[in-house]
């Protein structure tokens, strides 16, 4: 987080907190999606599927 939408302390704090919140939500959704992918893999396969967290 290099660019902030505000120059005041309160605005920078809000940007930081929003970034942390978005990261946590993304992590929870990725974890849930990964569990669903693992549950669907009941056949022997050549590759192990994983959620791409850099895109999600």
PDB file of N, CA and C in Angstrom:
ATOM      1  N   UNK A   1       0.846  -1.174   0.000  1.00  0.00           N
ATOM      2  CA  UNK A   1       0.000   0.000   0.000  1.00  0.00           C
ATOM      3  C   UNK A   1       0.891   1.236   0.000  1.00  0.00           C
ATOM      4  N   UNK A   2       1.190   1.739  -1.156  1.00  0.00           N
ATOM      5  CA  UNK A   2       2.032   2.919  -1.230  1.00  0.00           C
ATOM      6  C   UNK A   2       1.229   4.190  -1.438  1.00  0.00           C
ATOM      7  N   UNK A   3       0.100   4.079  -2.114  1.00  0.00           N
ATOM      8  CA  UNK A   3      -0.712   5.252  -2.418  1.00  0.00           C
ATOM      9  C   UNK A   3      -1.917   5.291  -1.500  1.00  0.00           C
ATOM     10  N   UNK A   4      -2.105   6.426  -0.865  1.00  0.00           N
ATOM     11  CA  UNK A   4      -3.238   6.611   0.018  1.00  0.00           C
ATOM     12  C   UNK A   4      -4.184   7.622  -0.605  1.00  0.00           C
ATOM     13  N   UNK A   5      -5.463   7.496  -0.301  1.00  0.00           N
ATOM     14  CA  UNK A   5      -6.445   8.419  -0.861  1.00  0.00           C
ATOM     15  C   UNK A   5      -6.555   9.694  -0.039  1.00  0.00           C
ATOM     16  N   UNK A   6      -5.833   9.789   1.050  1.00  0.00           N
ATOM     17  CA  UNK A   6      -5.916  10.958   1.918  1.00  0.00           C
ATOM     18  C   UNK A   6      -4.532  11.274   2.477  1.00  0.00           C
ATOM     19  N   UNK A   7      -4.378  12.516   2.896  1.00  0.00           N
ATOM     20  CA  UNK A   7      -3.120  12.915   3.527  1.00  0.00           C
ATOM     21  C   UNK A   7      -3.258  13.012   5.040  1.00  0.00           C
ATOM     22  N   UNK A   8      -4.479  12.889   5.526  1.00  0.00           N
ATOM     23  CA  UNK A   8      -4.718  12.972   6.962  1.00  0.00           C
ATOM     24  C   UNK A   8      -4.579  11.594   7.596  1.00  0.00           C
ATOM     25  N   UNK A   9      -4.306  11.589   8.872  1.00  0.00           N
ATOM     26  CA  UNK A   9      -4.082  10.342   9.605  1.00  0.00           C
ATOM     27  C   UNK A   9      -5.322   9.455   9.569  1.00  0.00           C
ATOM     28  N   UNK A  10      -6.496  10.047   9.726  1.00  0.00           N
ATOM     29  CA  UNK A  10      -7.734   9.270   9.745  1.00  0.00           C
ATOM     30  C   UNK A  10      -7.956   8.597   8.391  1.00  0.00           C
ATOM     31  N   UNK A  11      -7.702   9.310   7.293  1.00  0.00           N
ATOM     32  CA  UNK A  11      -7.875   8.746   5.959  1.00  0.00           C
ATOM     33  C   UNK A  11      -6.902   7.623   5.667  1.00  0.00           C
ATOM     34  N   UNK A  12      -5.652   7.799   6.085  1.00  0.00           N
ATOM     35  CA  UNK A  12      -4.647   6.748   5.890  1.00  0.00           C
ATOM     36  C   UNK A  12      -5.023   5.522   6.706  1.00  0.00           C
ATOM     37  N   UNK A  13      -5.500   5.725   7.910  1.00  0.00           N
ATOM     38  CA  UNK A  13      -5.927   4.607   8.762  1.00  0.00           C
ATOM     39  C   UNK A  13      -7.100   3.855   8.137  1.00  0.00           C
ATOM     40  N   UNK A  14      -8.051   4.605   7.547  1.00  0.00           N
ATOM     41  CA  UNK A  14      -9.186   3.966   6.883  1.00  0.00           C
ATOM     42  C   UNK A  14      -8.719   3.146   5.683  1.00  0.00           C
ATOM     43  N   UNK A  15      -7.789   3.678   4.900  1.00  0.00           N
ATOM     44  CA  UNK A  15      -7.243   2.934   3.761  1.00  0.00           C
ATOM     45  C   UNK A  15      -6.575   1.641   4.220  1.00  0.00           C
ATOM     46  N   UNK A  16      -5.798   1.735   5.281  1.00  0.00           N
ATOM     47  CA  UNK A  16      -5.103   0.570   5.811  1.00  0.00           C
ATOM     48  C   UNK A  16      -6.093  -0.480   6.304  1.00  0.00           C
ATOM     49  N   UNK A  17      -7.083  -0.043   7.079  1.00  0.00           N
ATOM     50  CA  UNK A  17      -8.080  -0.970   7.609  1.00  0.00           C
ATOM     51  C   UNK A  17      -8.897  -1.610   6.488  1.00  0.00           C
ATOM     52  N   UNK A  18      -9.219  -0.836   5.454  1.00  0.00           N
ATOM     53  CA  UNK A  18      -9.966  -1.384   4.320  1.00  0.00           C
ATOM     54  C   UNK A  18      -9.137  -2.433   3.587  1.00  0.00           C
ATOM     55  N   UNK A  19      -7.844  -2.202   3.459  1.00  0.00           N
ATOM     56  CA  UNK A  19      -6.960  -3.166   2.803  1.00  0.00           C
ATOM     57  C   UNK A  19      -6.879  -4.465   3.607  1.00  0.00           C
ATOM     58  N   UNK A  20      -6.777  -4.366   4.894  1.00  0.00           N
ATOM     59  CA  UNK A  20      -6.736  -5.542   5.773  1.00  0.00           C
ATOM     60  C   UNK A  20      -8.060  -6.293   5.702  1.00  0.00           C
ATOM     61  N   UNK A  21      -9.180  -5.578   5.719  1.00  0.00           N
ATOM     62  CA  UNK A  21     -10.491  -6.203   5.641  1.00  0.00           C
ATOM     63  C   UNK A  21     -10.663  -6.947   4.323  1.00  0.00           C
ATOM     64  N   UNK A  22     -10.278  -6.323   3.214  1.00  0.00           N
ATOM     65  CA  UNK A  22     -10.389  -6.983   1.905  1.00  0.00           C
ATOM     66  C   UNK A  22      -9.503  -8.222   1.832  1.00  0.00           C
ATOM     67  N   UNK A  23      -8.325  -8.153   2.399  1.00  0.00           N
ATOM     68  CA  UNK A  23      -7.439  -9.315   2.417  1.00  0.00           C
ATOM     69  C   UNK A  23      -8.016 -10.460   3.220  1.00  0.00           C
ATOM     70  N   UNK A  24      -8.618 -10.154   4.361  1.00  0.00           N
ATOM     71  CA  UNK A  24      -9.230 -11.192   5.194  1.00  0.00           C
ATOM     72  C   UNK A  24     -10.427 -11.837   4.500  1.00  0.00           C
ATOM     73  N   UNK A  25     -11.265 -11.025   3.872  1.00  0.00           N
ATOM     74  CA  UNK A  25     -12.423 -11.568   3.163  1.00  0.00           C
ATOM     75  C   UNK A  25     -11.969 -12.438   2.002  1.00  0.00           C
ATOM     76  N   UNK A  26     -10.978 -11.973   1.267  1.00  0.00           N
ATOM     77  CA  UNK A  26     -10.444 -12.754   0.150  1.00  0.00           C
ATOM     78  C   UNK A  26      -9.867 -14.082   0.633  1.00  0.00           C
ATOM     79  N   UNK A  27      -9.167 -14.066   1.742  1.00  0.00           N
ATOM     80  CA  UNK A  27      -8.611 -15.295   2.298  1.00  0.00           C
ATOM     81  C   UNK A  27      -9.672 -16.280   2.726  1.00  0.00           C
ATOM     82  N   UNK A  28     -10.727 -15.785   3.347  1.00  0.00           N
ATOM     83  CA  UNK A  28     -11.812 -16.669   3.768  1.00  0.00           C
ATOM     84  C   UNK A  28     -12.533 -17.279   2.569  1.00  0.00           C
ATOM     85  N   UNK A  29     -12.787 -16.477   1.546  1.00  0.00           N
ATOM     86  CA  UNK A  29     -13.457 -16.995   0.358  1.00  0.00           C
ATOM     87  C   UNK A  29     -12.573 -17.991  -0.381  1.00  0.00           C
ATOM     88  N   UNK A  30     -11.276 -17.723  -0.443  1.00  0.00           N
ATOM     89  CA  UNK A  30     -10.354 -18.653  -1.104  1.00  0.00           C
ATOM     90  C   UNK A  30     -10.268 -19.970  -0.348  1.00  0.00           C
ATOM     91  N   UNK A  31     -10.263 -19.908   0.961  1.00  0.00           N
ATOM     92  CA  UNK A  31     -10.216 -21.117   1.780  1.00  0.00           C
ATOM     93  C   UNK A  31     -11.465 -21.970   1.560  1.00  0.00           C
ATOM     94  N   UNK A  32     -12.621 -21.328   1.530  1.00  0.00           N
ATOM     95  CA  UNK A  32     -13.863 -22.050   1.300  1.00  0.00           C
ATOM     96  C   UNK A  32     -13.896 -22.655  -0.104  1.00  0.00           C
ATOM     97  N   UNK A  33     -13.439 -21.902  -1.095  1.00  0.00           N
ATOM     98  CA  UNK A  33     -13.410 -22.410  -2.470  1.00  0.00           C
ATOM     99  C   UNK A  33     -12.435 -23.582  -2.591  1.00  0.00           C
ATOM    100  N   UNK A  34     -11.293 -23.503  -1.906  1.00  0.00           N
ATOM    101  CA  UNK A  34     -10.318 -24.590  -1.956  1.00  0.00           C
ATOM    102  C   UNK A  34     -10.889 -25.866  -1.336  1.00  0.00           C
ATOM    103  N   UNK A  35     -11.650 -25.725  -0.265  1.00  0.00           N
ATOM    104  CA  UNK A  35     -12.289 -26.897   0.353  1.00  0.00           C
ATOM    105  C   UNK A  35     -13.263 -27.549  -0.614  1.00  0.00           C
ATOM    106  N   UNK A  36     -14.000 -26.742  -1.373  1.00  0.00           N
ATOM    107  CA  UNK A  36     -14.937 -27.294  -2.346  1.00  0.00           C
ATOM    108  C   UNK A  36     -14.204 -27.991  -3.476  1.00  0.00           C
ATOM    109  N   UNK A  37     -13.072 -27.463  -3.901  1.00  0.00           N
ATOM    110  CA  UNK A  37     -12.286 -28.094  -4.961  1.00  0.00           C
ATOM    111  C   UNK A  37     -11.761 -29.438  -4.485  1.00  0.00           C
ATOM    112  N   UNK A  38     -11.278 -29.501  -3.267  1.00  0.00           N
ATOM    113  CA  UNK A  38     -10.727 -30.748  -2.727  1.00  0.00           C
ATOM    114  C   UNK A  38     -11.824 -31.800  -2.591  1.00  0.00           C
ATOM    115  N   UNK A  39     -13.024 -31.402  -2.195  1.00  0.00           N
ATOM    116  CA  UNK A  39     -14.126 -32.348  -2.044  1.00  0.00           C
ATOM    117  C   UNK A  39     -14.554 -32.936  -3.384  1.00  0.00           C
ATOM    118  N   UNK A  40     -14.399 -32.192  -4.473  1.00  0.00           N
ATOM    119  CA  UNK A  40     -14.811 -32.669  -5.784  1.00  0.00           C
ATOM    120  C   UNK A  40     -13.780 -33.598  -6.414  1.00  0.00           C
ATOM    121  N   UNK A  41     -12.601 -33.668  -5.854  1.00  0.00           N
ATOM    122  CA  UNK A  41     -11.530 -34.488  -6.409  1.00  0.00           C
ATOM    123  C   UNK A  41     -11.564 -35.896  -5.820  1.00  0.00           C
ATOM    124  N   UNK A  42     -12.598 -36.659  -6.137  1.00  0.00           N
ATOM    125  CA  UNK A  42     -12.659 -38.024  -5.616  1.00  0.00           C
ATOM    126  C   UNK A  42     -12.065 -39.035  -6.590  1.00  0.00           C
ATOM    127  N   UNK A  43     -11.785 -38.634  -7.821  1.00  0.00           N
ATOM    128  CA  UNK A  43     -11.151 -39.522  -8.792  1.00  0.00           C
ATOM    129  C   UNK A  43      -9.642 -39.285  -8.779  1.00  0.00           C
ATOM    130  N   UNK A  44      -8.851 -40.303  -9.088  1.00  0.00           N
ATOM    131  CA  UNK A  44      -7.405 -40.072  -9.209  1.00  0.00           C
ATOM    132  C   UNK A  44      -7.117 -39.185 -10.420  1.00  0.00           C
ATOM    133  N   UNK A  45      -6.373 -38.130 -10.198  1.00  0.00           N
ATOM    134  CA  UNK A  45      -6.052 -37.197 -11.274  1.00  0.00           C
ATOM    135  C   UNK A  45      -4.554 -36.973 -11.334  1.00  0.00           C
ATOM    136  N   UNK A  46      -4.118 -36.390 -12.435  1.00  0.00           N
ATOM    137  CA  UNK A  46      -2.685 -36.144 -12.610  1.00  0.00           C
ATOM    138  C   UNK A  46      -2.225 -34.888 -11.887  1.00  0.00           C
ATOM    139  N   UNK A  47      -3.102 -33.905 -11.758  1.00  0.00           N
ATOM    140  CA  UNK A  47      -2.706 -32.622 -11.172  1.00  0.00           C
ATOM    141  C   UNK A  47      -3.607 -32.298  -9.976  1.00  0.00           C
ATOM    142  N   UNK A  48      -3.058 -31.562  -9.055  1.00  0.00           N
ATOM    143  CA  UNK A  48      -3.805 -31.095  -7.892  1.00  0.00           C
ATOM    144  C   UNK A  48      -4.239 -29.660  -8.156  1.00  0.00           C
ATOM    145  N   UNK A  49      -5.528 -29.405  -8.136  1.00  0.00           N
ATOM    146  CA  UNK A  49      -6.042 -28.067  -8.408  1.00  0.00           C
ATOM    147  C   UNK A  49      -5.974 -27.207  -7.161  1.00  0.00           C
ATOM    148  N   UNK A  50      -5.587 -25.942  -7.365  1.00  0.00           N
ATOM    149  CA  UNK A  50      -5.533 -24.980  -6.271  1.00  0.00           C
ATOM    150  C   UNK A  50      -6.127 -23.658  -6.728  1.00  0.00           C
ATOM    151  N   UNK A  51      -6.648 -22.918  -5.803  1.00  0.00           N
ATOM    152  CA  UNK A  51      -7.191 -21.590  -6.081  1.00  0.00           C
ATOM    153  C   UNK A  51      -6.026 -20.622  -6.273  1.00  0.00           C
ATOM    154  N   UNK A  52      -6.086 -19.821  -7.335  1.00  0.00           N
ATOM    155  CA  UNK A  52      -5.054 -18.830  -7.598  1.00  0.00           C
ATOM    156  C   UNK A  52      -5.341 -17.591  -6.746  1.00  0.00           C
ATOM    157  N   UNK A  53      -4.622 -17.435  -5.675  1.00  0.00           N
ATOM    158  CA  UNK A  53      -4.898 -16.333  -4.741  1.00  0.00           C
ATOM    159  C   UNK A  53      -4.436 -14.978  -5.261  1.00  0.00           C
ATOM    160  N   UNK A  54      -3.505 -14.950  -6.183  1.00  0.00           N
ATOM    161  CA  UNK A  54      -3.057 -13.655  -6.710  1.00  0.00           C
ATOM    162  C   UNK A  54      -4.107 -13.031  -7.622  1.00  0.00           C
ATOM    163  N   UNK A  55      -4.950 -13.856  -8.232  1.00  0.00           N
ATOM    164  CA  UNK A  55      -6.016 -13.349  -9.087  1.00  0.00           C
ATOM    165  C   UNK A  55      -7.294 -13.145  -8.293  1.00  0.00           C
ATOM    166  N   UNK A  56      -7.512 -13.980  -7.302  1.00  0.00           N
ATOM    167  CA  UNK A  56      -8.766 -13.884  -6.544  1.00  0.00           C
ATOM    168  C   UNK A  56      -8.763 -12.636  -5.689  1.00  0.00           C
TER     169      UNK A  56
END
